[in-house]
């Protein structure tokens, strides 16, 4: 009976080893990698949004500068009637 107990304990230890190193650790590594990739993607999207916002602000500023020309440059439109 003693030899069966030792064999059973060795088998349980082997199964525990396989479970940890073939299941738990790969899941942990994959989860860590996916979180890192999502973080990188989020940071890249935020950077793109900031660049687009800045480009829009710059374009709006240029339009405002162009539209604030003196009144002397304004030519009044008159409708032509037939």
PDB file of N, CA and C in Angstrom:
ATOM      1  N   UNK A   1       0.801  -1.186   0.000  1.00  0.00           N
ATOM      2  CA  UNK A   1       0.000   0.000   0.000  1.00  0.00           C
ATOM      3  C   UNK A   1       0.853   1.263   0.000  1.00  0.00           C
ATOM      4  N   UNK A   2       1.976   1.189   0.576  1.00  0.00           N
ATOM      5  CA  UNK A   2       2.857   2.348   0.682  1.00  0.00           C
ATOM      6  C   UNK A   2       3.348   2.793  -0.695  1.00  0.00           C
ATOM      7  N   UNK A   3       3.661   1.847  -1.552  1.00  0.00           N
ATOM      8  CA  UNK A   3       4.158   2.187  -2.888  1.00  0.00           C
ATOM      9  C   UNK A   3       3.067   2.851  -3.723  1.00  0.00           C
ATOM     10  N   UNK A   4       1.807   2.424  -3.507  1.00  0.00           N
ATOM     11  CA  UNK A   4       0.709   3.043  -4.246  1.00  0.00           C
ATOM     12  C   UNK A   4       0.498   4.494  -3.826  1.00  0.00           C
ATOM     13  N   UNK A   5       0.687   4.742  -2.553  1.00  0.00           N
ATOM     14  CA  UNK A   5       0.546   6.120  -2.059  1.00  0.00           C
ATOM     15  C   UNK A   5       1.624   7.012  -2.641  1.00  0.00           C
ATOM     16  N   UNK A   6       2.847   6.540  -2.710  1.00  0.00           N
ATOM     17  CA  UNK A   6       3.950   7.310  -3.286  1.00  0.00           C
ATOM     18  C   UNK A   6       3.685   7.553  -4.767  1.00  0.00           C
ATOM     19  N   UNK A   7       3.249   6.533  -5.476  1.00  0.00           N
ATOM     20  CA  UNK A   7       2.932   6.697  -6.887  1.00  0.00           C
ATOM     21  C   UNK A   7       1.783   7.696  -7.093  1.00  0.00           C
ATOM     22  N   UNK A   8       0.789   7.630  -6.249  1.00  0.00           N
ATOM     23  CA  UNK A   8      -0.334   8.556  -6.338  1.00  0.00           C
ATOM     24  C   UNK A   8       0.133   9.994  -6.080  1.00  0.00           C
ATOM     25  N   UNK A   9       0.970  10.185  -5.090  1.00  0.00           N
ATOM     26  CA  UNK A   9       1.489  11.518  -4.788  1.00  0.00           C
ATOM     27  C   UNK A   9       2.355  12.040  -5.939  1.00  0.00           C
ATOM     28  N   UNK A  10       3.161  11.188  -6.520  1.00  0.00           N
ATOM     29  CA  UNK A  10       3.978  11.603  -7.664  1.00  0.00           C
ATOM     30  C   UNK A  10       3.097  11.970  -8.856  1.00  0.00           C
ATOM     31  N   UNK A  11       2.053  11.188  -9.072  1.00  0.00           N
ATOM     32  CA  UNK A  11       1.136  11.477 -10.162  1.00  0.00           C
ATOM     33  C   UNK A  11       0.422  12.813  -9.942  1.00  0.00           C
ATOM     34  N   UNK A  12      -0.015  13.059  -8.727  1.00  0.00           N
ATOM     35  CA  UNK A  12      -0.694  14.321  -8.404  1.00  0.00           C
ATOM     36  C   UNK A  12       0.271  15.490  -8.580  1.00  0.00           C
ATOM     37  N   UNK A  13       1.487  15.335  -8.125  1.00  0.00           N
ATOM     38  CA  UNK A  13       2.489  16.391  -8.301  1.00  0.00           C
ATOM     39  C   UNK A  13       2.771  16.639  -9.783  1.00  0.00           C
ATOM     40  N   UNK A  14       2.848  15.579 -10.557  1.00  0.00           N
ATOM     41  CA  UNK A  14       3.080  15.721 -12.000  1.00  0.00           C
ATOM     42  C   UNK A  14       1.909  16.454 -12.663  1.00  0.00           C
ATOM     43  N   UNK A  15       0.683  16.081 -12.299  1.00  0.00           N
ATOM     44  CA  UNK A  15      -0.498  16.738 -12.867  1.00  0.00           C
ATOM     45  C   UNK A  15      -0.546  18.210 -12.461  1.00  0.00           C
ATOM     46  N   UNK A  16      -0.189  18.514 -11.240  1.00  0.00           N
ATOM     47  CA  UNK A  16      -0.134  19.896 -10.776  1.00  0.00           C
ATOM     48  C   UNK A  16       0.928  20.683 -11.550  1.00  0.00           C
ATOM     49  N   UNK A  17       2.080  20.089 -11.754  1.00  0.00           N
ATOM     50  CA  UNK A  17       3.156  20.711 -12.540  1.00  0.00           C
ATOM     51  C   UNK A  17       2.671  20.999 -13.959  1.00  0.00           C
ATOM     52  N   UNK A  18       2.049  19.991 -14.599  1.00  0.00           N
ATOM     53  CA  UNK A  18       1.563  20.175 -15.975  1.00  0.00           C
ATOM     54  C   UNK A  18       0.491  21.270 -16.032  1.00  0.00           C
ATOM     55  N   UNK A  19      -0.393  21.285 -15.048  1.00  0.00           N
ATOM     56  CA  UNK A  19      -1.449  22.285 -15.010  1.00  0.00           C
ATOM     57  C   UNK A  19      -0.878  23.698 -14.903  1.00  0.00           C
ATOM     58  N   UNK A  20       0.089  23.864 -14.042  1.00  0.00           N
ATOM     59  CA  UNK A  20       0.669  25.198 -13.841  1.00  0.00           C
ATOM     60  C   UNK A  20       1.461  25.643 -15.063  1.00  0.00           C
ATOM     61  N   UNK A  21       2.352  24.789 -15.545  1.00  0.00           N
ATOM     62  CA  UNK A  21       3.265  25.216 -16.612  1.00  0.00           C
ATOM     63  C   UNK A  21       2.669  25.102 -18.020  1.00  0.00           C
ATOM     64  N   UNK A  22       1.646  24.304 -18.211  1.00  0.00           N
ATOM     65  CA  UNK A  22       1.038  24.179 -19.542  1.00  0.00           C
ATOM     66  C   UNK A  22      -0.289  24.921 -19.668  1.00  0.00           C
ATOM     67  N   UNK A  23      -0.835  25.424 -18.557  1.00  0.00           N
ATOM     68  CA  UNK A  23      -2.133  26.093 -18.628  1.00  0.00           C
ATOM     69  C   UNK A  23      -2.105  27.481 -17.982  1.00  0.00           C
ATOM     70  N   UNK A  24      -1.717  27.558 -16.722  1.00  0.00           N
ATOM     71  CA  UNK A  24      -1.780  28.818 -15.977  1.00  0.00           C
ATOM     72  C   UNK A  24      -0.778  29.837 -16.518  1.00  0.00           C
ATOM     73  N   UNK A  25       0.458  29.469 -16.664  1.00  0.00           N
ATOM     74  CA  UNK A  25       1.490  30.411 -17.115  1.00  0.00           C
ATOM     75  C   UNK A  25       1.227  30.893 -18.545  1.00  0.00           C
ATOM     76  N   UNK A  26       0.879  30.042 -19.511  1.00  0.00           N
ATOM     77  CA  UNK A  26       0.555  30.567 -20.850  1.00  0.00           C
ATOM     78  C   UNK A  26      -0.648  31.525 -20.855  1.00  0.00           C
ATOM     79  N   UNK A  27      -1.657  31.242 -20.048  1.00  0.00           N
ATOM     80  CA  UNK A  27      -2.802  32.148 -19.975  1.00  0.00           C
ATOM     81  C   UNK A  27      -2.364  33.490 -19.389  1.00  0.00           C
ATOM     82  N   UNK A  28      -1.554  33.473 -18.365  1.00  0.00           N
ATOM     83  CA  UNK A  28      -1.055  34.709 -17.755  1.00  0.00           C
ATOM     84  C   UNK A  28      -0.259  35.530 -18.781  1.00  0.00           C
ATOM     85  N   UNK A  29       0.626  34.879 -19.504  1.00  0.00           N
ATOM     86  CA  UNK A  29       1.449  35.585 -20.506  1.00  0.00           C
ATOM     87  C   UNK A  29       0.583  36.168 -21.624  1.00  0.00           C
ATOM     88  N   UNK A  30      -0.378  35.397 -22.091  1.00  0.00           N
ATOM     89  CA  UNK A  30      -1.256  35.871 -23.165  1.00  0.00           C
ATOM     90  C   UNK A  30      -2.084  37.056 -22.704  1.00  0.00           C
ATOM     91  N   UNK A  31      -2.625  36.980 -21.504  1.00  0.00           N
ATOM     92  CA  UNK A  31      -3.410  38.084 -20.961  1.00  0.00           C
ATOM     93  C   UNK A  31      -2.565  39.340 -20.832  1.00  0.00           C
ATOM     94  N   UNK A  32      -1.364  39.183 -20.363  1.00  0.00           N
ATOM     95  CA  UNK A  32      -0.451  40.324 -20.212  1.00  0.00           C
ATOM     96  C   UNK A  32      -0.140  40.950 -21.579  1.00  0.00           C
ATOM     97  N   UNK A  33       0.104  40.120 -22.582  1.00  0.00           N
ATOM     98  CA  UNK A  33       0.415  40.605 -23.924  1.00  0.00           C
ATOM     99  C   UNK A  33      -0.783  41.325 -24.549  1.00  0.00           C
ATOM    100  N   UNK A  34      -1.975  40.773 -24.380  1.00  0.00           N
ATOM    101  CA  UNK A  34      -3.177  41.394 -24.939  1.00  0.00           C
ATOM    102  C   UNK A  34      -3.428  42.745 -24.275  1.00  0.00           C
ATOM    103  N   UNK A  35      -3.276  42.827 -22.959  1.00  0.00           N
ATOM    104  CA  UNK A  35      -3.454  44.102 -22.260  1.00  0.00           C
ATOM    105  C   UNK A  35      -2.464  45.144 -22.764  1.00  0.00           C
ATOM    106  N   UNK A  36      -1.225  44.731 -22.992  1.00  0.00           N
ATOM    107  CA  UNK A  36      -0.205  45.657 -23.495  1.00  0.00           C
ATOM    108  C   UNK A  36      -0.577  46.146 -24.893  1.00  0.00           C
ATOM    109  N   UNK A  37      -1.038  45.250 -25.749  1.00  0.00           N
ATOM    110  CA  UNK A  37      -1.418  45.635 -27.108  1.00  0.00           C
ATOM    111  C   UNK A  37      -2.609  46.581 -27.103  1.00  0.00           C
ATOM    112  N   UNK A  38      -3.594  46.323 -26.237  1.00  0.00           N
ATOM    113  CA  UNK A  38      -4.736  47.233 -26.148  1.00  0.00           C
ATOM    114  C   UNK A  38      -4.297  48.599 -25.629  1.00  0.00           C
ATOM    115  N   UNK A  39      -3.395  48.613 -24.680  1.00  0.00           N
ATOM    116  CA  UNK A  39      -2.882  49.885 -24.170  1.00  0.00           C
ATOM    117  C   UNK A  39      -2.143  50.660 -25.247  1.00  0.00           C
ATOM    118  N   UNK A  40      -1.316  49.967 -26.021  1.00  0.00           N
ATOM    119  CA  UNK A  40      -0.594  50.619 -27.119  1.00  0.00           C
ATOM    120  C   UNK A  40      -1.565  51.154 -28.165  1.00  0.00           C
ATOM    121  N   UNK A  41      -2.574  50.366 -28.504  1.00  0.00           N
ATOM    122  CA  UNK A  41      -3.552  50.791 -29.507  1.00  0.00           C
ATOM    123  C   UNK A  41      -4.343  51.999 -29.002  1.00  0.00           C
ATOM    124  N   UNK A  42      -4.696  51.993 -27.742  1.00  0.00           N
ATOM    125  CA  UNK A  42      -5.432  53.116 -27.164  1.00  0.00           C
ATOM    126  C   UNK A  42      -4.584  54.382 -27.180  1.00  0.00           C
ATOM    127  N   UNK A  43      -3.318  54.256 -26.836  1.00  0.00           N
ATOM    128  CA  UNK A  43      -2.421  55.412 -26.851  1.00  0.00           C
ATOM    129  C   UNK A  43      -2.249  55.947 -28.272  1.00  0.00           C
ATOM    130  N   UNK A  44      -2.153  55.062 -29.238  1.00  0.00           N
ATOM    131  CA  UNK A  44      -2.003  55.483 -30.635  1.00  0.00           C
ATOM    132  C   UNK A  44      -3.276  56.190 -31.114  1.00  0.00           C
ATOM    133  N   UNK A  45      -4.443  55.673 -30.756  1.00  0.00           N
ATOM    134  CA  UNK A  45      -5.698  56.323 -31.147  1.00  0.00           C
ATOM    135  C   UNK A  45      -5.806  57.703 -30.505  1.00  0.00           C
ATOM    136  N   UNK A  46      -5.414  57.812 -29.247  1.00  0.00           N
ATOM    137  CA  UNK A  46      -5.456  59.101 -28.558  1.00  0.00           C
ATOM    138  C   UNK A  46      -4.528  60.101 -29.231  1.00  0.00           C
ATOM    139  N   UNK A  47      -3.353  59.645 -29.616  1.00  0.00           N
ATOM    140  CA  UNK A  47      -2.397  60.512 -30.306  1.00  0.00           C
ATOM    141  C   UNK A  47      -2.959  60.979 -31.649  1.00  0.00           C
ATOM    142  N   UNK A  48      -3.575  60.068 -32.400  1.00  0.00           N
ATOM    143  CA  UNK A  48      -4.192  60.437 -33.680  1.00  0.00           C
ATOM    144  C   UNK A  48      -5.310  61.451 -33.485  1.00  0.00           C
ATOM    145  N   UNK A  49      -6.131  61.259 -32.459  1.00  0.00           N
ATOM    146  CA  UNK A  49      -7.210  62.203 -32.188  1.00  0.00           C
ATOM    147  C   UNK A  49      -6.659  63.581 -31.845  1.00  0.00           C
ATOM    148  N   UNK A  50      -5.586  63.617 -31.054  1.00  0.00           N
ATOM    149  CA  UNK A  50      -4.971  64.900 -30.701  1.00  0.00           C
ATOM    150  C   UNK A  50      -4.418  65.591 -31.943  1.00  0.00           C
ATOM    151  N   UNK A  51      -3.807  64.832 -32.840  1.00  0.00           N
ATOM    152  CA  UNK A  51      -3.274  65.416 -34.069  1.00  0.00           C
ATOM    153  C   UNK A  51      -4.400  65.957 -34.940  1.00  0.00           C
ATOM    154  N   UNK A  52      -5.489  65.210 -35.053  1.00  0.00           N
ATOM    155  CA  UNK A  52      -6.619  65.671 -35.855  1.00  0.00           C
ATOM    156  C   UNK A  52      -7.256  66.920 -35.240  1.00  0.00           C
ATOM    157  N   UNK A  53      -7.365  66.940 -33.920  1.00  0.00           N
ATOM    158  CA  UNK A  53      -7.938  68.089 -33.230  1.00  0.00           C
ATOM    159  C   UNK A  53      -7.062  69.324 -33.456  1.00  0.00           C
ATOM    160  N   UNK A  54      -5.756  69.126 -33.382  1.00  0.00           N
ATOM    161  CA  UNK A  54      -4.840  70.250 -33.588  1.00  0.00           C
ATOM    162  C   UNK A  54      -4.903  70.729 -35.039  1.00  0.00           C
ATOM    163  N   UNK A  55      -4.988  69.823 -35.995  1.00  0.00           N
ATOM    164  CA  UNK A  55      -5.091  70.204 -37.406  1.00  0.00           C
ATOM    165  C   UNK A  55      -6.400  70.963 -37.645  1.00  0.00           C
ATOM    166  N   UNK A  56      -7.485  70.513 -37.032  1.00  0.00           N
ATOM    167  CA  UNK A  56      -8.771  71.196 -37.177  1.00  0.00           C
ATOM    168  C   UNK A  56      -8.699  72.603 -36.570  1.00  0.00           C
ATOM    169  N   UNK A  57      -8.073  72.712 -35.403  1.00  0.00           N
ATOM    170  CA  UNK A  57      -7.929  74.020 -34.749  1.00  0.00           C
ATOM    171  C   UNK A  57      -7.103  74.956 -35.609  1.00  0.00           C
ATOM    172  N   UNK A  58      -6.023  74.446 -36.184  1.00  0.00           N
ATOM    173  CA  UNK A  58      -5.183  75.269 -37.053  1.00  0.00           C
ATOM    174  C   UNK A  58      -5.946  75.713 -38.292  1.00  0.00           C
ATOM    175  N   UNK A  59      -6.722  74.825 -38.891  1.00  0.00           N
ATOM    176  CA  UNK A  59      -7.497  75.169 -40.088  1.00  0.00           C
ATOM    177  C   UNK A  59      -8.565  76.201 -39.752  1.00  0.00           C
ATOM    178  N   UNK A  60      -9.208  76.054 -38.617  1.00  0.00           N
ATOM    179  CA  UNK A  60     -10.230  77.008 -38.192  1.00  0.00           C
ATOM    180  C   UNK A  60      -9.612  78.377 -37.944  1.00  0.00           C
ATOM    181  N   UNK A  61      -8.446  78.414 -37.341  1.00  0.00           N
ATOM    182  CA  UNK A  61      -7.759  79.673 -37.073  1.00  0.00           C
ATOM    183  C   UNK A  61      -7.393  80.368 -38.380  1.00  0.00           C
ATOM    184  N   UNK A  62      -6.919  79.622 -39.356  1.00  0.00           N
ATOM    185  CA  UNK A  62      -6.557  80.196 -40.650  1.00  0.00           C
ATOM    186  C   UNK A  62      -7.800  80.746 -41.336  1.00  0.00           C
ATOM    187  N   UNK A  63      -8.923  80.032 -41.281  1.00  0.00           N
ATOM    188  CA  UNK A  63     -10.165  80.510 -41.887  1.00  0.00           C
ATOM    189  C   UNK A  63     -10.633  81.794 -41.219  1.00  0.00           C
ATOM    190  N   UNK A  64     -10.536  81.855 -39.904  1.00  0.00           N
ATOM    191  CA  UNK A  64     -10.959  83.048 -39.180  1.00  0.00           C
ATOM    192  C   UNK A  64     -10.079  84.240 -39.539  1.00  0.00           C
ATOM    193  N   UNK A  65      -8.792  84.004 -39.690  1.00  0.00           N
ATOM    194  CA  UNK A  65      -7.890  85.087 -40.061  1.00  0.00           C
ATOM    195  C   UNK A  65      -8.216  85.604 -41.453  1.00  0.00           C
ATOM    196  N   UNK A  66      -8.561  84.710 -42.368  1.00  0.00           N
ATOM    197  CA  UNK A  66      -8.900  85.117 -43.721  1.00  0.00           C
ATOM    198  C   UNK A  66     -10.244  85.836 -43.761  1.00  0.00           C
ATOM    199  N   UNK A  67     -11.189  85.419 -42.942  1.00  0.00           N
ATOM    200  CA  UNK A  67     -12.524  86.003 -42.971  1.00  0.00           C
ATOM    201  C   UNK A  67     -12.590  87.349 -42.258  1.00  0.00           C
ATOM    202  N   UNK A  68     -11.606  87.716 -41.500  1.00  0.00           N
ATOM    203  CA  UNK A  68     -11.606  88.991 -40.791  1.00  0.00           C
ATOM    204  C   UNK A  68     -10.849  90.049 -41.579  1.00  0.00           C
ATOM    205  N   UNK A  69     -11.098  90.095 -42.878  1.00  0.00           N
ATOM    206  CA  UNK A  69     -10.459  91.117 -43.700  1.00  0.00           C
ATOM    207  C   UNK A  69     -11.216  92.437 -43.541  1.00  0.00           C
ATOM    208  N   UNK A  70     -10.587  93.531 -43.889  1.00  0.00           N
ATOM    209  CA  UNK A  70     -11.237  94.842 -43.736  1.00  0.00           C
ATOM    210  C   UNK A  70     -12.484  94.949 -44.600  1.00  0.00           C
ATOM    211  N   UNK A  71     -13.414  95.838 -44.204  1.00  0.00           N
ATOM    212  CA  UNK A  71     -14.669  96.005 -44.939  1.00  0.00           C
ATOM    213  C   UNK A  71     -14.442  96.615 -46.313  1.00  0.00           C
ATOM    214  N   UNK A  72     -13.344  97.306 -46.523  1.00  0.00           N
ATOM    215  CA  UNK A  72     -13.068  97.934 -47.810  1.00  0.00           C
ATOM    216  C   UNK A  72     -12.936  96.894 -48.921  1.00  0.00           C
ATOM    217  N   UNK A  73     -12.555  95.702 -48.565  1.00  0.00           N
ATOM    218  CA  UNK A  73     -12.373  94.662 -49.568  1.00  0.00           C
ATOM    219  C   UNK A  73     -13.692  94.011 -49.976  1.00  0.00           C
ATOM    220  N   UNK A  74     -14.770  94.342 -49.279  1.00  0.00           N
ATOM    221  CA  UNK A  74     -16.056  93.706 -49.547  1.00  0.00           C
ATOM    222  C   UNK A  74     -16.712  94.375 -50.741  1.00  0.00           C
ATOM    223  N   UNK A  75     -17.112  93.580 -51.696  1.00  0.00           N
ATOM    224  CA  UNK A  75     -17.830  94.077 -52.869  1.00  0.00           C
ATOM    225  C   UNK A  75     -19.271  93.662 -52.713  1.00  0.00           C
ATOM    226  N   UNK A  76     -20.157  94.639 -52.734  1.00  0.00           N
ATOM    227  CA  UNK A  76     -21.562  94.350 -52.527  1.00  0.00           C
ATOM    228  C   UNK A  76     -22.149  93.700 -53.770  1.00  0.00           C
ATOM    229  N   UNK A  77     -22.977  92.714 -53.543  1.00  0.00           N
ATOM    230  CA  UNK A  77     -23.594  91.973 -54.638  1.00  0.00           C
ATOM    231  C   UNK A  77     -24.932  92.601 -54.963  1.00  0.00           C
ATOM    232  N   UNK A  78     -25.172  92.814 -56.230  1.00  0.00           N
ATOM    233  CA  UNK A  78     -26.467  93.319 -56.651  1.00  0.00           C
ATOM    234  C   UNK A  78     -27.101  92.298 -57.579  1.00  0.00           C
ATOM    235  N   UNK A  79     -28.391  92.073 -57.350  1.00  0.00           N
ATOM    236  CA  UNK A  79     -29.087  91.105 -58.175  1.00  0.00           C
ATOM    237  C   UNK A  79     -29.395  91.732 -59.525  1.00  0.00           C
ATOM    238  N   UNK A  80     -29.207  90.943 -60.576  1.00  0.00           N
ATOM    239  CA  UNK A  80     -29.517  91.407 -61.924  1.00  0.00           C
ATOM    240  C   UNK A  80     -30.912  90.918 -62.258  1.00  0.00           C
ATOM    241  N   UNK A  81     -31.832  91.866 -62.622  1.00  0.00           N
ATOM    242  CA  UNK A  81     -33.200  91.489 -62.957  1.00  0.00           C
ATOM    243  C   UNK A  81     -33.362  91.504 -64.457  1.00  0.00           C
ATOM    244  N   UNK A  82     -34.108  90.601 -64.971  1.00  0.00           N
ATOM    245  CA  UNK A  82     -34.329  90.533 -66.419  1.00  0.00           C
ATOM    246  C   UNK A  82     -35.500  91.370 -66.822  1.00  0.00           C
TER     247      UNK A  82
END
